[in-house]
Amino acid sequence: MKSTVTIQHLPPEAAEQLFHYLPDYVKAALREKAAELECPLEAVVEMALASFLDQEAFSFEDCLVAQRQEA
């Protein structure tokens, strides 16, 4: 049986909705990190969430939580 890998990332629209509810200092920190890494805001939010769940993860793709649920 062949398994299919689904790649999932946080959509920009979801990040924008979440961003709306964050305190100003968190918004500023996320914008600063996005500029520093030269990546979109949604990627920085995804990194923050993934690293909370798995300290070695940079995105939802390499998060061990996702790997454990697929098994």
N, C-alpha and C. Protein backbone atom coordinates (compact mmCIF):
# COMPACT_ATOMS: atom_id res chain seq x y z
N MET A 1 0.84 -1.18 0.00
CA MET A 1 0.00 0.00 0.00
C MET A 1 0.89 1.24 0.00
N LYS A 2 0.59 2.17 -0.87
CA LYS A 2 1.37 3.40 -1.00
C LYS A 2 0.75 4.50 -0.17
N SER A 3 1.56 5.16 0.65
CA SER A 3 1.04 6.25 1.47
C SER A 3 1.26 7.58 0.76
N THR A 4 0.35 8.47 0.97
CA THR A 4 0.43 9.80 0.38
C THR A 4 0.76 10.80 1.48
N VAL A 5 1.76 11.63 1.22
CA VAL A 5 2.14 12.65 2.17
C VAL A 5 1.43 13.94 1.80
N THR A 6 0.73 14.50 2.75
CA THR A 6 0.04 15.77 2.54
C THR A 6 0.86 16.87 3.19
N ILE A 7 1.21 17.85 2.40
CA ILE A 7 1.97 18.98 2.92
C ILE A 7 0.98 20.06 3.34
N GLN A 8 1.09 20.49 4.58
CA GLN A 8 0.17 21.49 5.08
C GLN A 8 0.95 22.66 5.67
N HIS A 9 0.50 23.83 5.30
CA HIS A 9 1.05 25.06 5.86
C HIS A 9 -0.10 25.94 6.30
N LEU A 10 0.20 26.89 7.14
CA LEU A 10 -0.80 27.83 7.60
C LEU A 10 -1.14 28.79 6.46
N PRO A 11 -2.41 28.85 6.04
CA PRO A 11 -2.78 29.78 4.97
C PRO A 11 -2.61 31.23 5.41
N PRO A 12 -2.24 32.11 4.49
CA PRO A 12 -2.08 33.53 4.83
C PRO A 12 -3.33 34.13 5.47
N GLU A 13 -4.51 33.70 5.01
CA GLU A 13 -5.76 34.24 5.56
C GLU A 13 -5.92 33.87 7.03
N ALA A 14 -5.54 32.66 7.39
CA ALA A 14 -5.65 32.22 8.78
C ALA A 14 -4.68 33.00 9.67
N ALA A 15 -3.48 33.21 9.17
CA ALA A 15 -2.49 33.98 9.93
C ALA A 15 -2.98 35.41 10.15
N GLU A 16 -3.56 36.01 9.12
CA GLU A 16 -4.07 37.38 9.24
C GLU A 16 -5.20 37.46 10.26
N GLN A 17 -6.08 36.47 10.27
CA GLN A 17 -7.18 36.46 11.24
C GLN A 17 -6.64 36.35 12.66
N LEU A 18 -5.70 35.45 12.87
CA LEU A 18 -5.09 35.29 14.19
C LEU A 18 -4.34 36.56 14.59
N PHE A 19 -3.60 37.11 13.65
CA PHE A 19 -2.80 38.31 13.88
C PHE A 19 -3.65 39.45 14.41
N HIS A 20 -4.87 39.55 13.93
CA HIS A 20 -5.80 40.61 14.33
C HIS A 20 -6.05 40.61 15.85
N TYR A 21 -6.03 39.44 16.47
CA TYR A 21 -6.36 39.30 17.88
C TYR A 21 -5.16 39.35 18.81
N LEU A 22 -3.97 39.41 18.28
CA LEU A 22 -2.76 39.40 19.11
C LEU A 22 -2.47 40.78 19.70
N PRO A 23 -1.82 40.81 20.85
CA PRO A 23 -1.40 42.10 21.42
C PRO A 23 -0.40 42.79 20.49
N ASP A 24 -0.35 44.10 20.56
CA ASP A 24 0.52 44.88 19.67
C ASP A 24 1.99 44.48 19.76
N TYR A 25 2.47 44.19 20.99
CA TYR A 25 3.88 43.84 21.12
C TYR A 25 4.20 42.49 20.46
N VAL A 26 3.22 41.57 20.44
CA VAL A 26 3.42 40.29 19.76
C VAL A 26 3.40 40.50 18.25
N LYS A 27 2.49 41.35 17.79
CA LYS A 27 2.45 41.67 16.35
C LYS A 27 3.78 42.26 15.91
N ALA A 28 4.30 43.18 16.69
CA ALA A 28 5.58 43.83 16.34
C ALA A 28 6.71 42.80 16.29
N ALA A 29 6.73 41.90 17.26
CA ALA A 29 7.79 40.87 17.31
C ALA A 29 7.68 39.93 16.10
N LEU A 30 6.47 39.55 15.73
CA LEU A 30 6.29 38.68 14.58
C LEU A 30 6.68 39.38 13.27
N ARG A 31 6.31 40.65 13.14
CA ARG A 31 6.72 41.41 11.95
C ARG A 31 8.24 41.53 11.86
N GLU A 32 8.86 41.80 13.00
CA GLU A 32 10.32 41.93 13.05
C GLU A 32 11.00 40.62 12.66
N LYS A 33 10.50 39.51 13.17
CA LYS A 33 11.07 38.20 12.86
C LYS A 33 10.88 37.87 11.38
N ALA A 34 9.71 38.20 10.83
CA ALA A 34 9.46 37.95 9.41
C ALA A 34 10.42 38.76 8.54
N ALA A 35 10.68 40.00 8.92
CA ALA A 35 11.62 40.83 8.18
C ALA A 35 13.05 40.28 8.30
N GLU A 36 13.40 39.87 9.50
CA GLU A 36 14.74 39.32 9.75
C GLU A 36 14.98 38.05 8.92
N LEU A 37 13.98 37.19 8.85
CA LEU A 37 14.11 35.93 8.12
C LEU A 37 13.76 36.06 6.64
N GLU A 38 13.25 37.24 6.27
CA GLU A 38 12.81 37.50 4.90
C GLU A 38 11.81 36.45 4.43
N CYS A 39 10.78 36.25 5.25
CA CYS A 39 9.74 35.29 4.92
C CYS A 39 8.38 35.89 5.26
N PRO A 40 7.31 35.30 4.73
CA PRO A 40 5.98 35.84 5.00
C PRO A 40 5.56 35.68 6.47
N LEU A 41 4.68 36.53 6.89
CA LEU A 41 4.17 36.52 8.26
C LEU A 41 3.59 35.16 8.63
N GLU A 42 2.84 34.54 7.72
CA GLU A 42 2.24 33.24 8.04
C GLU A 42 3.29 32.16 8.31
N ALA A 43 4.45 32.27 7.67
CA ALA A 43 5.53 31.31 7.93
C ALA A 43 6.08 31.48 9.34
N VAL A 44 6.19 32.71 9.80
CA VAL A 44 6.69 32.97 11.15
C VAL A 44 5.68 32.48 12.19
N VAL A 45 4.41 32.70 11.95
CA VAL A 45 3.38 32.23 12.88
C VAL A 45 3.40 30.70 12.91
N GLU A 46 3.53 30.07 11.75
CA GLU A 46 3.60 28.61 11.68
C GLU A 46 4.82 28.09 12.43
N MET A 47 5.97 28.76 12.26
CA MET A 47 7.18 28.35 12.98
C MET A 47 6.97 28.42 14.49
N ALA A 48 6.33 29.50 14.94
CA ALA A 48 6.10 29.67 16.38
C ALA A 48 5.20 28.56 16.92
N LEU A 49 4.13 28.25 16.22
CA LEU A 49 3.22 27.19 16.66
C LEU A 49 3.89 25.82 16.61
N ALA A 50 4.58 25.53 15.53
CA ALA A 50 5.24 24.23 15.38
C ALA A 50 6.32 24.03 16.43
N SER A 51 7.10 25.07 16.70
CA SER A 51 8.17 24.93 17.69
C SER A 51 7.63 24.82 19.11
N PHE A 52 6.43 25.32 19.35
CA PHE A 52 5.79 25.13 20.65
C PHE A 52 5.46 23.66 20.86
N LEU A 53 5.00 23.00 19.80
CA LEU A 53 4.62 21.59 19.88
C LEU A 53 5.83 20.66 19.80
N ASP A 54 6.86 21.07 19.08
CA ASP A 54 8.05 20.25 18.88
C ASP A 54 9.23 21.21 18.76
N GLN A 55 10.11 21.23 19.74
CA GLN A 55 11.19 22.21 19.80
C GLN A 55 12.12 22.17 18.60
N GLU A 56 12.17 21.06 17.88
CA GLU A 56 13.05 20.95 16.72
C GLU A 56 12.35 21.27 15.41
N ALA A 57 11.06 21.57 15.44
CA ALA A 57 10.29 21.80 14.23
C ALA A 57 10.39 23.26 13.76
N PHE A 58 10.43 23.42 12.44
CA PHE A 58 10.41 24.75 11.84
C PHE A 58 9.09 25.03 11.14
N SER A 59 8.32 23.98 10.88
CA SER A 59 7.03 24.13 10.21
C SER A 59 6.14 22.97 10.60
N PHE A 60 4.90 22.99 10.15
CA PHE A 60 3.99 21.90 10.43
C PHE A 60 4.46 20.61 9.78
N GLU A 61 5.18 20.73 8.66
CA GLU A 61 5.66 19.56 7.93
C GLU A 61 6.61 18.71 8.75
N ASP A 62 7.50 19.33 9.51
CA ASP A 62 8.48 18.55 10.25
C ASP A 62 8.16 18.44 11.74
N CYS A 63 6.96 18.74 12.10
CA CYS A 63 6.52 18.66 13.49
C CYS A 63 6.27 17.20 13.85
N LEU A 64 6.88 16.73 14.92
CA LEU A 64 6.74 15.34 15.33
C LEU A 64 5.31 14.98 15.70
N VAL A 65 4.52 15.94 16.13
CA VAL A 65 3.12 15.67 16.46
C VAL A 65 2.40 15.15 15.22
N ALA A 66 2.63 15.78 14.07
CA ALA A 66 2.01 15.34 12.82
C ALA A 66 2.48 13.94 12.44
N GLN A 67 3.76 13.66 12.62
CA GLN A 67 4.29 12.35 12.29
C GLN A 67 3.69 11.27 13.20
N ARG A 68 3.50 11.55 14.46
CA ARG A 68 2.93 10.57 15.38
C ARG A 68 1.46 10.30 15.04
N GLN A 69 0.73 11.31 14.60
CA GLN A 69 -0.69 11.12 14.30
C GLN A 69 -0.88 10.34 13.01
N GLU A 70 0.08 10.43 12.08
CA GLU A 70 -0.02 9.70 10.82
C GLU A 70 0.27 8.23 11.01
N ALA A 71 1.02 7.89 12.04
CA ALA A 71 1.41 6.48 12.25
C ALA A 71 0.28 5.62 12.74
